[in-house]
Amino acid sequence: MGEGKGSLYVVATPIGNLNDVSPRALEVLRAVALILAEDTRHSRKLLQRYGIEVPTLSFHKFNERDRTEEVLHRILIDGIDVAIITDAGTPCISDPGVEIVRRARDSGVPVYGISGPSAIATAVSVSGLPSSEFTFLGFLPRGSGDLEQALHGIRERRISTFVVYESPKRVRALAAAILEEFPQARACFCCELTKIHERSYYGPIDEVVAQLDSDPMAERGEYTVVVHVDYDEPGGTGAIPGTGKQLSPEARLVQAMVDHGCSVREAARIVAEETGLSRNELYQAGLRLRSFMTPGES
């Protein structure tokens, strides 16, 4: 533990199976003077399981700012050691904790990470998808329009493998939106990781959508979703043969107009069907094309 003054410990706890807690995490939780818990009622199960009787204080997104002031004062003035835990996994990853960690560091308080379970790492490791690099995006927007824009942004950034969290009530809508934007994607929808009813829905995204739609249990349990997009596969953004360079949406529209002798609108329909490019992306590309064409040519 810290010497001379108080310290803050960021402690990872199980994401499901209570046996996954590390000996070091238990050692720290027993030794600190105070444990900050996202939900004290939830954390009580873990603490009671291992006979830990340290006082707990609720610390969640609705009281994080006020609690930070209070706890930092006790660390700095009283010299106590404090641990922060969340309901599951590693604090500060789409969970409370970032504010107090930042303020602690700014105040010169030692901050120590007690590593352990993480839904992100667990899901990626069992997904069977390319993982030499990936991007964690937390929770995507709820509204259908905002979700579509978020996925379109992923395409524009050409993110190959990404990981998101999703609630059970919205998981089917997320899968359908991914299919719409990335019909060539492969995915692994992991549910209830490390718990008794752990399961996953894996394969090409159209098959994953079908699996979710046919499973009456799909809307039970929290999800960690891993998606891989190969932009050079059919349904990707397409490439100029032999160069590896990607065709722009405008170039694809022009190519379709030449090949099929059709209007911009009809070309947009053809390109959407052949490539899986989003309708919004092609609509914007069509507007840009029309700005360079006389009215009679569109």
C-alpha atoms as a PDB file:
ATOM      1  CA  MET A   1       0.000   0.000   0.000  1.00  0.00           C
ATOM      2  CA  GLY A   2       1.002   3.637  -0.297  1.00  0.00           C
ATOM      3  CA  GLU A   3       3.344   5.097   2.329  1.00  0.00           C
ATOM      4  CA  GLY A   4       3.082   8.488   3.987  1.00  0.00           C
ATOM      5  CA  LYS A   5      -0.079   9.673   2.277  1.00  0.00           C
ATOM      6  CA  GLY A   6      -3.267   8.291   0.875  1.00  0.00           C
ATOM      7  CA  SER A   7      -3.491   6.504  -2.437  1.00  0.00           C
ATOM      8  CA  LEU A   8      -6.225   5.626  -4.917  1.00  0.00           C
ATOM      9  CA  TYR A   9      -6.553   2.071  -6.214  1.00  0.00           C
ATOM     10  CA  VAL A  10      -8.515   1.320  -9.398  1.00  0.00           C
ATOM     11  CA  VAL A  11      -9.569  -2.281  -8.880  1.00  0.00           C
ATOM     12  CA  ALA A  12     -10.967  -4.602 -11.552  1.00  0.00           C
ATOM     13  CA  THR A  13     -13.652  -6.993 -10.310  1.00  0.00           C
ATOM     14  CA  PRO A  14     -15.391  -9.972 -11.979  1.00  0.00           C
ATOM     15  CA  ILE A  15     -17.671  -9.354 -14.952  1.00  0.00           C
ATOM     16  CA  GLY A  16     -19.786 -12.330 -13.943  1.00  0.00           C
ATOM     17  CA  ASN A  17     -18.125 -15.284 -12.273  1.00  0.00           C
ATOM     18  CA  LEU A  18     -17.027 -14.237  -8.772  1.00  0.00           C
ATOM     19  CA  ASN A  19     -14.138 -16.714  -8.899  1.00  0.00           C
ATOM     20  CA  ASP A  20     -12.396 -14.474 -11.431  1.00  0.00           C
ATOM     21  CA  VAL A  21     -11.320 -11.909  -8.827  1.00  0.00           C
ATOM     22  CA  SER A  22      -7.539 -11.813  -8.392  1.00  0.00           C
ATOM     23  CA  PRO A  23      -5.733 -12.443  -5.077  1.00  0.00           C
ATOM     24  CA  ARG A  24      -4.150  -8.997  -5.347  1.00  0.00           C
ATOM     25  CA  ALA A  25      -7.549  -7.350  -5.801  1.00  0.00           C
ATOM     26  CA  LEU A  26      -8.787  -9.045  -2.637  1.00  0.00           C
ATOM     27  CA  GLU A  27      -5.632  -8.010  -0.787  1.00  0.00           C
ATOM     28  CA  VAL A  28      -6.147  -4.365  -1.732  1.00  0.00           C
ATOM     29  CA  LEU A  29      -9.883  -4.366  -0.977  1.00  0.00           C
ATOM     30  CA  ARG A  30      -9.198  -5.752   2.493  1.00  0.00           C
ATOM     31  CA  ALA A  31      -6.451  -3.220   3.217  1.00  0.00           C
ATOM     32  CA  VAL A  32      -7.996   0.102   2.140  1.00  0.00           C
ATOM     33  CA  ALA A  33     -10.024   2.310   4.472  1.00  0.00           C
ATOM     34  CA  LEU A  34     -12.851   2.948   1.998  1.00  0.00           C
ATOM     35  CA  ILE A  35     -14.281   1.310  -1.117  1.00  0.00           C
ATOM     36  CA  LEU A  36     -16.115   3.406  -3.703  1.00  0.00           C
ATOM     37  CA  ALA A  37     -18.713   1.202  -5.408  1.00  0.00           C
ATOM     38  CA  GLU A  38     -20.926   1.998  -8.389  1.00  0.00           C
ATOM     39  CA  ASP A  39     -23.800   0.156  -6.675  1.00  0.00           C
ATOM     40  CA  THR A  40     -23.093  -0.811  -3.065  1.00  0.00           C
ATOM     41  CA  ARG A  41     -25.890  -3.387  -3.094  1.00  0.00           C
ATOM     42  CA  HIS A  42     -24.406  -5.128  -6.118  1.00  0.00           C
ATOM     43  CA  SER A  43     -20.842  -5.011  -4.777  1.00  0.00           C
ATOM     44  CA  ARG A  44     -21.964  -6.420  -1.431  1.00  0.00           C
ATOM     45  CA  LYS A  45     -22.253  -9.863  -3.045  1.00  0.00           C
ATOM     46  CA  LEU A  46     -18.561  -9.891  -3.899  1.00  0.00           C
ATOM     47  CA  LEU A  47     -17.414  -8.372  -0.612  1.00  0.00           C
ATOM     48  CA  GLN A  48     -19.501 -10.742   1.501  1.00  0.00           C
ATOM     49  CA  ARG A  49     -18.331 -13.723  -0.562  1.00  0.00           C
ATOM     50  CA  TYR A  50     -14.748 -12.984   0.460  1.00  0.00           C
ATOM     51  CA  GLY A  51     -15.405 -11.682   3.979  1.00  0.00           C
ATOM     52  CA  ILE A  52     -14.437  -8.066   3.251  1.00  0.00           C
ATOM     53  CA  GLU A  53     -15.955  -5.683   5.805  1.00  0.00           C
ATOM     54  CA  VAL A  54     -14.444  -2.378   4.654  1.00  0.00           C
ATOM     55  CA  PRO A  55     -16.931   0.558   4.549  1.00  0.00           C
ATOM     56  CA  THR A  56     -18.385   1.264   1.098  1.00  0.00           C
ATOM     57  CA  LEU A  57     -19.640   4.497  -0.415  1.00  0.00           C
ATOM     58  CA  SER A  58     -21.796   4.775  -3.526  1.00  0.00           C
ATOM     59  CA  PHE A  59     -19.961   6.337  -6.460  1.00  0.00           C
ATOM     60  CA  HIS A  60     -21.890   6.562  -9.731  1.00  0.00           C
ATOM     61  CA  LYS A  61     -22.408   8.929 -12.644  1.00  0.00           C
ATOM     62  CA  PHE A  62     -25.042  10.951 -10.798  1.00  0.00           C
ATOM     63  CA  ASN A  63     -22.909  11.771  -7.739  1.00  0.00           C
ATOM     64  CA  GLU A  64     -19.382  11.378  -9.103  1.00  0.00           C
ATOM     65  CA  ARG A  65     -18.507  15.069  -9.018  1.00  0.00           C
ATOM     66  CA  ASP A  66     -19.651  15.654  -5.421  1.00  0.00           C
ATOM     67  CA  ARG A  67     -18.192  12.392  -4.157  1.00  0.00           C
ATOM     68  CA  THR A  68     -14.852  13.194  -5.809  1.00  0.00           C
ATOM     69  CA  GLU A  69     -14.456  16.345  -3.731  1.00  0.00           C
ATOM     70  CA  GLU A  70     -15.359  14.518  -0.528  1.00  0.00           C
ATOM     71  CA  VAL A  71     -13.112  11.513  -1.110  1.00  0.00           C
ATOM     72  CA  LEU A  72     -10.104  13.487  -2.343  1.00  0.00           C
ATOM     73  CA  HIS A  73     -10.269  15.573   0.825  1.00  0.00           C
ATOM     74  CA  ARG A  74     -10.066  12.404   2.912  1.00  0.00           C
ATOM     75  CA  ILE A  75      -7.180  11.027   0.841  1.00  0.00           C
ATOM     76  CA  LEU A  76      -5.222  14.286   0.997  1.00  0.00           C
ATOM     77  CA  ILE A  77      -6.037  15.451   4.537  1.00  0.00           C
ATOM     78  CA  ASP A  78      -6.667  12.210   6.415  1.00  0.00           C
ATOM     79  CA  GLY A  79      -4.172  10.150   4.422  1.00  0.00           C
ATOM     80  CA  ILE A  80      -6.514   7.204   3.848  1.00  0.00           C
ATOM     81  CA  ASP A  81      -6.196   4.667   1.033  1.00  0.00           C
ATOM     82  CA  VAL A  82      -9.269   4.305  -1.180  1.00  0.00           C
ATOM     83  CA  ALA A  83     -10.275   1.702  -3.762  1.00  0.00           C
ATOM     84  CA  ILE A  84     -12.759   2.240  -6.551  1.00  0.00           C
ATOM     85  CA  ILE A  85     -14.733  -0.626  -8.104  1.00  0.00           C
ATOM     86  CA  THR A  86     -17.659  -0.819 -10.505  1.00  0.00           C
ATOM     87  CA  ASP A  87     -20.481  -3.316 -10.899  1.00  0.00           C
ATOM     88  CA  ALA A  88     -18.353  -5.403 -13.261  1.00  0.00           C
ATOM     89  CA  GLY A  89     -14.944  -5.215 -14.869  1.00  0.00           C
ATOM     90  CA  THR A  90     -12.417  -2.394 -14.845  1.00  0.00           C
ATOM     91  CA  PRO A  91     -13.459   1.073 -13.603  1.00  0.00           C
ATOM     92  CA  CYS A  92     -13.274   4.086 -15.942  1.00  0.00           C
ATOM     93  CA  ILE A  93     -14.057   2.004 -19.056  1.00  0.00           C
ATOM     94  CA  SER A  94     -17.586   3.255 -19.863  1.00  0.00           C
ATOM     95  CA  ASP A  95     -18.035   3.337 -16.073  1.00  0.00           C
ATOM     96  CA  PRO A  96     -17.527   5.953 -13.331  1.00  0.00           C
ATOM     97  CA  GLY A  97     -14.021   6.779 -12.169  1.00  0.00           C
ATOM     98  CA  VAL A  98     -12.378   8.999 -14.781  1.00  0.00           C
ATOM     99  CA  GLU A  99     -13.091  12.214 -12.844  1.00  0.00           C
ATOM    100  CA  ILE A 100     -11.617  11.082  -9.529  1.00  0.00           C
ATOM    101  CA  VAL A 101      -8.584   9.495 -11.216  1.00  0.00           C
ATOM    102  CA  ARG A 102      -7.871  12.713 -13.115  1.00  0.00           C
ATOM    103  CA  ARG A 103      -8.344  14.879 -10.022  1.00  0.00           C
ATOM    104  CA  ALA A 104      -6.213  12.531  -7.924  1.00  0.00           C
ATOM    105  CA  ARG A 105      -3.348  12.694 -10.407  1.00  0.00           C
ATOM    106  CA  ASP A 106      -3.655  16.481 -10.678  1.00  0.00           C
ATOM    107  CA  SER A 107      -3.429  16.650  -6.859  1.00  0.00           C
ATOM    108  CA  GLY A 108      -0.344  14.456  -6.665  1.00  0.00           C
ATOM    109  CA  VAL A 109      -2.177  11.438  -5.220  1.00  0.00           C
ATOM    110  CA  PRO A 110      -0.594   8.099  -6.235  1.00  0.00           C
ATOM    111  CA  VAL A 111      -2.962   6.074  -8.434  1.00  0.00           C
ATOM    112  CA  TYR A 112      -2.475   2.323  -8.808  1.00  0.00           C
ATOM    113  CA  GLY A 113      -4.242  -0.015 -11.225  1.00  0.00           C
ATOM    114  CA  ILE A 114      -5.169  -3.494 -10.005  1.00  0.00           C
ATOM    115  CA  SER A 115      -5.686  -5.311 -13.275  1.00  0.00           C
ATOM    116  CA  GLY A 116      -8.224  -8.024 -13.844  1.00  0.00           C
ATOM    117  CA  PRO A 117     -11.418  -8.877 -15.738  1.00  0.00           C
ATOM    118  CA  SER A 118     -12.481  -6.792 -18.729  1.00  0.00           C
ATOM    119  CA  ALA A 119     -15.474  -7.511 -20.959  1.00  0.00           C
ATOM    120  CA  ILE A 120     -13.650  -5.913 -23.888  1.00  0.00           C
ATOM    121  CA  ALA A 121     -10.562  -8.125 -23.727  1.00  0.00           C
ATOM    122  CA  THR A 122     -12.638 -11.212 -23.000  1.00  0.00           C
ATOM    123  CA  ALA A 123     -14.977 -10.667 -25.940  1.00  0.00           C
ATOM    124  CA  VAL A 124     -12.154  -9.939 -28.383  1.00  0.00           C
ATOM    125  CA  SER A 125     -10.235 -13.019 -27.227  1.00  0.00           C
ATOM    126  CA  VAL A 126     -13.161 -15.389 -27.874  1.00  0.00           C
ATOM    127  CA  SER A 127     -14.511 -13.693 -31.006  1.00  0.00           C
ATOM    128  CA  GLY A 128     -12.301 -15.456 -33.536  1.00  0.00           C
ATOM    129  CA  LEU A 129     -12.004 -12.126 -35.387  1.00  0.00           C
ATOM    130  CA  PRO A 130      -8.799 -10.233 -36.315  1.00  0.00           C
ATOM    131  CA  SER A 131      -7.546  -8.497 -33.170  1.00  0.00           C
ATOM    132  CA  SER A 132      -4.014  -7.238 -33.847  1.00  0.00           C
ATOM    133  CA  GLU A 133      -5.671  -3.839 -33.503  1.00  0.00           C
ATOM    134  CA  PHE A 134      -9.203  -2.812 -32.623  1.00  0.00           C
ATOM    135  CA  THR A 135     -11.181   0.251 -31.567  1.00  0.00           C
ATOM    136  CA  PHE A 136     -13.430   0.366 -28.510  1.00  0.00           C
ATOM    137  CA  LEU A 137     -16.422   2.670 -29.054  1.00  0.00           C
ATOM    138  CA  GLY A 138     -18.455   2.162 -25.866  1.00  0.00           C
ATOM    139  CA  PHE A 139     -22.213   2.459 -26.360  1.00  0.00           C
ATOM    140  CA  LEU A 140     -23.319   3.683 -29.801  1.00  0.00           C
ATOM    141  CA  PRO A 141     -26.200   6.200 -30.026  1.00  0.00           C
ATOM    142  CA  ARG A 142     -29.718   4.936 -29.332  1.00  0.00           C
ATOM    143  CA  GLY A 143     -31.723   6.741 -32.018  1.00  0.00           C
ATOM    144  CA  SER A 144     -31.836   5.046 -35.415  1.00  0.00           C
ATOM    145  CA  GLY A 145     -30.682   8.160 -37.270  1.00  0.00           C
ATOM    146  CA  ASP A 146     -27.819   8.821 -34.866  1.00  0.00           C
ATOM    147  CA  LEU A 147     -26.844   5.153 -34.941  1.00  0.00           C
ATOM    148  CA  GLU A 148     -26.750   5.208 -38.741  1.00  0.00           C
ATOM    149  CA  GLN A 149     -24.502   8.263 -38.650  1.00  0.00           C
ATOM    150  CA  ALA A 150     -22.197   6.632 -36.099  1.00  0.00           C
ATOM    151  CA  LEU A 151     -21.799   3.539 -38.252  1.00  0.00           C
ATOM    152  CA  HIS A 152     -21.252   5.712 -41.299  1.00  0.00           C
ATOM    153  CA  GLY A 153     -18.491   7.469 -39.351  1.00  0.00           C
ATOM    154  CA  ILE A 154     -16.882   4.100 -38.654  1.00  0.00           C
ATOM    155  CA  ARG A 155     -16.902   3.425 -42.399  1.00  0.00           C
ATOM    156  CA  GLU A 156     -15.379   6.820 -43.164  1.00  0.00           C
ATOM    157  CA  ARG A 157     -12.598   6.166 -40.638  1.00  0.00           C
ATOM    158  CA  ARG A 158     -12.180   2.672 -42.125  1.00  0.00           C
ATOM    159  CA  ILE A 159     -12.106   1.025 -38.712  1.00  0.00           C
ATOM    160  CA  SER A 160     -11.532  -2.650 -39.363  1.00  0.00           C
ATOM    161  CA  THR A 161     -12.334  -4.252 -35.993  1.00  0.00           C
ATOM    162  CA  PHE A 162     -14.437  -2.446 -33.407  1.00  0.00           C
ATOM    163  CA  VAL A 163     -15.996  -3.322 -30.069  1.00  0.00           C
ATOM    164  CA  VAL A 164     -19.173  -1.865 -28.590  1.00  0.00           C
ATOM    165  CA  TYR A 165     -21.439  -2.443 -25.621  1.00  0.00           C
ATOM    166  CA  GLU A 166     -25.190  -2.891 -26.090  1.00  0.00           C
ATOM    167  CA  SER A 167     -28.237  -3.497 -23.928  1.00  0.00           C
ATOM    168  CA  PRO A 168     -30.458  -6.533 -24.583  1.00  0.00           C
ATOM    169  CA  LYS A 169     -33.481  -4.452 -25.642  1.00  0.00           C
ATOM    170  CA  ARG A 170     -31.530  -2.753 -28.457  1.00  0.00           C
ATOM    171  CA  VAL A 171     -29.269  -5.568 -29.589  1.00  0.00           C
ATOM    172  CA  ARG A 172     -31.449  -6.667 -32.525  1.00  0.00           C
ATOM    173  CA  ALA A 173     -31.688  -3.096 -33.798  1.00  0.00           C
ATOM    174  CA  LEU A 174     -27.902  -2.760 -33.556  1.00  0.00           C
ATOM    175  CA  ALA A 175     -27.355  -5.975 -35.524  1.00  0.00           C
ATOM    176  CA  ALA A 176     -29.796  -4.846 -38.222  1.00  0.00           C
ATOM    177  CA  ALA A 177     -28.084  -1.458 -38.491  1.00  0.00           C
ATOM    178  CA  ILE A 178     -24.663  -3.097 -38.831  1.00  0.00           C
ATOM    179  CA  LEU A 179     -26.042  -5.345 -41.580  1.00  0.00           C
ATOM    180  CA  GLU A 180     -27.388  -2.287 -43.404  1.00  0.00           C
ATOM    181  CA  GLU A 181     -24.083  -0.411 -43.250  1.00  0.00           C
ATOM    182  CA  PHE A 182     -21.642  -3.335 -43.430  1.00  0.00           C
ATOM    183  CA  PRO A 183     -23.262  -6.316 -45.200  1.00  0.00           C
ATOM    184  CA  GLN A 184     -19.808  -7.895 -45.593  1.00  0.00           C
ATOM    185  CA  ALA A 185     -19.033  -7.771 -41.850  1.00  0.00           C
ATOM    186  CA  ARG A 186     -18.409 -10.712 -39.558  1.00  0.00           C
ATOM    187  CA  ALA A 187     -19.388 -10.374 -35.923  1.00  0.00           C
ATOM    188  CA  CYS A 188     -19.458 -12.012 -32.539  1.00  0.00           C
ATOM    189  CA  PHE A 189     -22.225 -10.841 -30.219  1.00  0.00           C
ATOM    190  CA  CYS A 190     -21.114 -12.006 -26.739  1.00  0.00           C
ATOM    191  CA  CYS A 191     -23.776 -12.135 -24.038  1.00  0.00           C
ATOM    192  CA  GLU A 192     -23.486 -12.740 -20.289  1.00  0.00           C
ATOM    193  CA  LEU A 193     -19.717 -13.290 -20.464  1.00  0.00           C
ATOM    194  CA  THR A 194     -18.379 -15.654 -17.743  1.00  0.00           C
ATOM    195  CA  LYS A 195     -21.888 -16.160 -16.338  1.00  0.00           C
ATOM    196  CA  ILE A 196     -23.991 -19.333 -16.189  1.00  0.00           C
ATOM    197  CA  HIS A 197     -25.974 -18.447 -19.315  1.00  0.00           C
ATOM    198  CA  GLU A 198     -23.006 -17.212 -21.364  1.00  0.00           C
ATOM    199  CA  ARG A 199     -23.613 -17.475 -25.099  1.00  0.00           C
ATOM    200  CA  SER A 200     -22.524 -15.868 -28.345  1.00  0.00           C
ATOM    201  CA  TYR A 201     -23.923 -15.283 -31.815  1.00  0.00           C
ATOM    202  CA  TYR A 202     -21.148 -15.601 -34.384  1.00  0.00           C
ATOM    203  CA  GLY A 203     -20.666 -15.484 -38.142  1.00  0.00           C
ATOM    204  CA  PRO A 204     -21.418 -13.240 -41.130  1.00  0.00           C
ATOM    205  CA  ILE A 205     -23.588 -10.370 -39.918  1.00  0.00           C
ATOM    206  CA  ASP A 206     -26.651 -11.565 -41.854  1.00  0.00           C
ATOM    207  CA  GLU A 207     -26.421 -14.908 -40.067  1.00  0.00           C
ATOM    208  CA  VAL A 208     -25.979 -13.184 -36.706  1.00  0.00           C
ATOM    209  CA  VAL A 209     -29.125 -11.137 -37.368  1.00  0.00           C
ATOM    210  CA  ALA A 210     -31.005 -14.370 -38.118  1.00  0.00           C
ATOM    211  CA  GLN A 211     -29.657 -16.021 -34.950  1.00  0.00           C
ATOM    212  CA  LEU A 212     -30.770 -13.116 -32.785  1.00  0.00           C
ATOM    213  CA  ASP A 213     -34.184 -12.907 -34.442  1.00  0.00           C
ATOM    214  CA  SER A 214     -34.841 -16.604 -33.895  1.00  0.00           C
ATOM    215  CA  ASP A 215     -33.676 -16.791 -30.263  1.00  0.00           C
ATOM    216  CA  PRO A 216     -36.341 -15.861 -27.676  1.00  0.00           C
ATOM    217  CA  MET A 217     -33.519 -15.445 -25.126  1.00  0.00           C
ATOM    218  CA  ALA A 218     -31.732 -12.792 -27.182  1.00  0.00           C
ATOM    219  CA  GLU A 219     -33.162  -9.907 -25.154  1.00  0.00           C
ATOM    220  CA  ARG A 220     -31.747 -11.195 -21.878  1.00  0.00           C
ATOM    221  CA  GLY A 221     -28.295 -10.222 -20.673  1.00  0.00           C
ATOM    222  CA  GLU A 222     -25.768  -7.513 -21.471  1.00  0.00           C
ATOM    223  CA  TYR A 223     -23.784  -7.629 -24.720  1.00  0.00           C
ATOM    224  CA  THR A 224     -20.219  -6.957 -25.747  1.00  0.00           C
ATOM    225  CA  VAL A 225     -20.112  -6.919 -29.544  1.00  0.00           C
ATOM    226  CA  VAL A 226     -17.047  -7.436 -31.750  1.00  0.00           C
ATOM    227  CA  VAL A 227     -17.334  -6.567 -35.448  1.00  0.00           C
ATOM    228  CA  HIS A 228     -14.776  -6.978 -38.222  1.00  0.00           C
ATOM    229  CA  VAL A 229     -15.138  -5.283 -41.603  1.00  0.00           C
ATOM    230  CA  ASP A 230     -12.972  -6.169 -44.600  1.00  0.00           C
ATOM    231  CA  TYR A 231     -13.348  -3.137 -46.830  1.00  0.00           C
ATOM    232  CA  ASP A 232     -11.950  -4.967 -49.848  1.00  0.00           C
ATOM    233  CA  GLU A 233     -14.546  -7.728 -49.724  1.00  0.00           C
ATOM    234  CA  PRO A 234     -17.757  -7.604 -51.831  1.00  0.00           C
ATOM    235  CA  GLY A 235     -20.044  -5.141 -50.099  1.00  0.00           C
ATOM    236  CA  GLY A 236     -17.111  -3.013 -48.939  1.00  0.00           C
ATOM    237  CA  THR A 237     -16.194   0.359 -50.326  1.00  0.00           C
ATOM    238  CA  GLY A 238     -14.565  -1.283 -53.346  1.00  0.00           C
ATOM    239  CA  ALA A 239     -11.124  -0.870 -54.860  1.00  0.00           C
ATOM    240  CA  ILE A 240      -9.578  -0.047 -58.205  1.00  0.00           C
ATOM    241  CA  PRO A 241      -8.388  -3.431 -59.498  1.00  0.00           C
ATOM    242  CA  GLY A 242      -4.663  -3.988 -59.110  1.00  0.00           C
ATOM    243  CA  THR A 243      -4.034  -0.799 -57.115  1.00  0.00           C
ATOM    244  CA  GLY A 244      -5.544  -1.347 -53.690  1.00  0.00           C
ATOM    245  CA  LYS A 245      -6.934   2.195 -53.931  1.00  0.00           C
ATOM    246  CA  GLN A 246     -10.561   2.660 -53.020  1.00  0.00           C
ATOM    247  CA  LEU A 247     -13.154   3.957 -55.462  1.00  0.00           C
ATOM    248  CA  SER A 248     -15.040   6.986 -54.178  1.00  0.00           C
ATOM    249  CA  PRO A 249     -18.858   6.849 -54.067  1.00  0.00           C
ATOM    250  CA  GLU A 250     -18.918   9.407 -56.915  1.00  0.00           C
ATOM    251  CA  ALA A 251     -16.675   7.209 -59.054  1.00  0.00           C
ATOM    252  CA  ARG A 252     -18.894   4.217 -58.389  1.00  0.00           C
ATOM    253  CA  LEU A 253     -21.960   6.206 -59.430  1.00  0.00           C
ATOM    254  CA  VAL A 254     -20.295   7.321 -62.652  1.00  0.00           C
ATOM    255  CA  GLN A 255     -19.164   3.766 -63.354  1.00  0.00           C
ATOM    256  CA  ALA A 256     -22.717   2.492 -62.881  1.00  0.00           C
ATOM    257  CA  MET A 257     -24.129   5.254 -65.116  1.00  0.00           C
ATOM    258  CA  VAL A 258     -21.697   4.280 -67.896  1.00  0.00           C
ATOM    259  CA  ASP A 259     -22.209   0.533 -67.487  1.00  0.00           C
ATOM    260  CA  HIS A 260     -26.011   0.692 -67.329  1.00  0.00           C
ATOM    261  CA  GLY A 261     -26.752   3.883 -69.248  1.00  0.00           C
ATOM    262  CA  CYS A 262     -28.900   5.158 -66.373  1.00  0.00           C
ATOM    263  CA  SER A 263     -29.544   8.289 -64.291  1.00  0.00           C
ATOM    264  CA  VAL A 264     -27.748   9.228 -61.074  1.00  0.00           C
ATOM    265  CA  ARG A 265     -30.759   8.075 -59.035  1.00  0.00           C
ATOM    266  CA  GLU A 266     -30.859   4.676 -60.706  1.00  0.00           C
ATOM    267  CA  ALA A 267     -27.069   4.370 -60.415  1.00  0.00           C
ATOM    268  CA  ALA A 268     -27.346   5.026 -56.679  1.00  0.00           C
ATOM    269  CA  ARG A 269     -29.829   2.165 -56.355  1.00  0.00           C
ATOM    270  CA  ILE A 270     -27.563  -0.192 -58.301  1.00  0.00           C
ATOM    271  CA  VAL A 271     -24.438   0.758 -56.339  1.00  0.00           C
ATOM    272  CA  ALA A 272     -26.267   0.363 -53.025  1.00  0.00           C
ATOM    273  CA  GLU A 273     -27.380  -3.151 -53.984  1.00  0.00           C
ATOM    274  CA  GLU A 274     -23.962  -4.175 -55.284  1.00  0.00           C
ATOM    275  CA  THR A 275     -21.716  -2.699 -52.588  1.00  0.00           C
ATOM    276  CA  GLY A 276     -23.741  -2.156 -49.432  1.00  0.00           C
ATOM    277  CA  LEU A 277     -22.790   1.532 -49.307  1.00  0.00           C
ATOM    278  CA  SER A 278     -25.300   3.440 -47.213  1.00  0.00           C
ATOM    279  CA  ARG A 279     -28.153   5.266 -48.930  1.00  0.00           C
ATOM    280  CA  ASN A 280     -27.202   8.515 -47.206  1.00  0.00           C
ATOM    281  CA  GLU A 281     -23.613   8.304 -48.448  1.00  0.00           C
ATOM    282  CA  LEU A 282     -24.765   7.702 -52.026  1.00  0.00           C
ATOM    283  CA  TYR A 283     -27.381  10.454 -51.797  1.00  0.00           C
ATOM    284  CA  GLN A 284     -24.687  12.956 -50.792  1.00  0.00           C
ATOM    285  CA  ALA A 285     -22.409  11.686 -53.560  1.00  0.00           C
ATOM    286  CA  GLY A 286     -25.266  12.098 -56.055  1.00  0.00           C
ATOM    287  CA  LEU A 287     -25.778  15.705 -54.988  1.00  0.00           C
ATOM    288  CA  ARG A 288     -22.096  16.412 -55.517  1.00  0.00           C
ATOM    289  CA  LEU A 289     -22.252  14.829 -58.973  1.00  0.00           C
ATOM    290  CA  ARG A 290     -25.323  16.851 -59.947  1.00  0.00           C
ATOM    291  CA  SER A 291     -23.507  20.065 -59.042  1.00  0.00           C
ATOM    292  CA  PHE A 292     -21.147  19.361 -61.941  1.00  0.00           C
ATOM    293  CA  MET A 293     -23.888  18.348 -64.408  1.00  0.00           C
ATOM    294  CA  THR A 294     -26.439  20.334 -66.343  1.00  0.00           C
ATOM    295  CA  PRO A 295     -30.072  19.703 -65.298  1.00  0.00           C
ATOM    296  CA  GLY A 296     -30.832  17.692 -68.390  1.00  0.00           C
ATOM    297  CA  GLU A 297     -27.994  15.246 -67.787  1.00  0.00           C
ATOM    298  CA  SER A 298     -29.091  13.954 -64.377  1.00  0.00           C
END
